[in-house]
Amino acid sequence: MGDASMEEKVAAILNKISGYLSVAQMRKLKEVMSKTFKEKTVNVYEISNQKL
């Protein structure tokens, strides 16, 4: 998932709940979501069959 795609998804979520939160709450939620999604990376290690 690229950054632009992630930002679009965050914006879509915020648009759906905008009627329920204040501007300050929306900003904080966007900040937390963006930081959380950027931290969630998967480390992939290639292991040969010989090591197993």
C-alpha atoms as a PDB file:
ATOM      1  CA  MET A   1       0.000   0.000   0.000  1.00  0.00           C
ATOM      2  CA  GLY A   2       1.554   3.300  -1.101  1.00  0.00           C
ATOM      3  CA  ASP A   3       1.410   6.529   0.849  1.00  0.00           C
ATOM      4  CA  ALA A   4      -1.057   8.180  -1.557  1.00  0.00           C
ATOM      5  CA  SER A   5      -3.416   5.237  -1.301  1.00  0.00           C
ATOM      6  CA  MET A   6      -3.156   5.254   2.490  1.00  0.00           C
ATOM      7  CA  GLU A   7      -3.826   8.997   2.625  1.00  0.00           C
ATOM      8  CA  GLU A   8      -6.871   8.537   0.385  1.00  0.00           C
ATOM      9  CA  LYS A   9      -8.209   5.827   2.693  1.00  0.00           C
ATOM     10  CA  VAL A  10      -7.673   8.011   5.769  1.00  0.00           C
ATOM     11  CA  ALA A  11      -9.483  10.883   4.024  1.00  0.00           C
ATOM     12  CA  ALA A  12     -12.385   8.593   3.088  1.00  0.00           C
ATOM     13  CA  ILE A  13     -12.749   7.423   6.697  1.00  0.00           C
ATOM     14  CA  LEU A  14     -12.616  10.986   8.001  1.00  0.00           C
ATOM     15  CA  ASN A  15     -15.245  12.090   5.477  1.00  0.00           C
ATOM     16  CA  LYS A  16     -17.596   9.338   6.642  1.00  0.00           C
ATOM     17  CA  ILE A  17     -17.343  10.304  10.320  1.00  0.00           C
ATOM     18  CA  SER A  18     -16.974  14.080   9.923  1.00  0.00           C
ATOM     19  CA  GLY A  19     -20.477  14.708  11.257  1.00  0.00           C
ATOM     20  CA  TYR A  20     -19.628  13.094  14.589  1.00  0.00           C
ATOM     21  CA  LEU A  21     -16.257  14.661  15.467  1.00  0.00           C
ATOM     22  CA  SER A  22     -14.964  18.188  16.016  1.00  0.00           C
ATOM     23  CA  VAL A  23     -12.237  19.625  13.794  1.00  0.00           C
ATOM     24  CA  ALA A  24      -9.653  19.088  16.547  1.00  0.00           C
ATOM     25  CA  GLN A  25     -10.741  15.459  16.963  1.00  0.00           C
ATOM     26  CA  MET A  26     -10.564  14.905  13.198  1.00  0.00           C
ATOM     27  CA  ARG A  27      -7.021  16.302  13.044  1.00  0.00           C
ATOM     28  CA  LYS A  28      -5.865  14.106  15.919  1.00  0.00           C
ATOM     29  CA  LEU A  29      -7.522  11.025  14.437  1.00  0.00           C
ATOM     30  CA  LYS A  30      -5.867  11.679  11.070  1.00  0.00           C
ATOM     31  CA  GLU A  31      -2.493  12.078  12.781  1.00  0.00           C
ATOM     32  CA  VAL A  32      -2.881   8.851  14.765  1.00  0.00           C
ATOM     33  CA  MET A  33      -4.161   6.839  11.791  1.00  0.00           C
ATOM     34  CA  SER A  34      -1.395   8.046   9.490  1.00  0.00           C
ATOM     35  CA  LYS A  35       1.308   7.302  12.056  1.00  0.00           C
ATOM     36  CA  THR A  36      -0.164   3.879  12.866  1.00  0.00           C
ATOM     37  CA  PHE A  37      -0.482   2.801   9.229  1.00  0.00           C
ATOM     38  CA  LYS A  38       3.064   3.930   8.442  1.00  0.00           C
ATOM     39  CA  GLU A  39       4.430   1.904  11.382  1.00  0.00           C
ATOM     40  CA  LYS A  40       2.656  -1.281  10.304  1.00  0.00           C
ATOM     41  CA  THR A  41       5.199  -2.710   7.909  1.00  0.00           C
ATOM     42  CA  VAL A  42       5.848  -6.350   7.289  1.00  0.00           C
ATOM     43  CA  ASN A  43       9.393  -7.630   7.280  1.00  0.00           C
ATOM     44  CA  VAL A  44       9.888 -10.432   4.792  1.00  0.00           C
ATOM     45  CA  TYR A  45      12.930 -12.647   5.054  1.00  0.00           C
ATOM     46  CA  GLU A  46      13.979 -15.031   2.347  1.00  0.00           C
ATOM     47  CA  ILE A  47      15.111 -18.360   3.753  1.00  0.00           C
ATOM     48  CA  SER A  48      16.509 -21.088   1.583  1.00  0.00           C
ATOM     49  CA  ASN A  49      15.321 -24.658   2.005  1.00  0.00           C
ATOM     50  CA  GLN A  50      18.827 -25.705   3.030  1.00  0.00           C
ATOM     51  CA  LYS A  51      18.570 -23.718   6.262  1.00  0.00           C
ATOM     52  CA  LEU A  52      15.432 -25.575   7.232  1.00  0.00           C
END
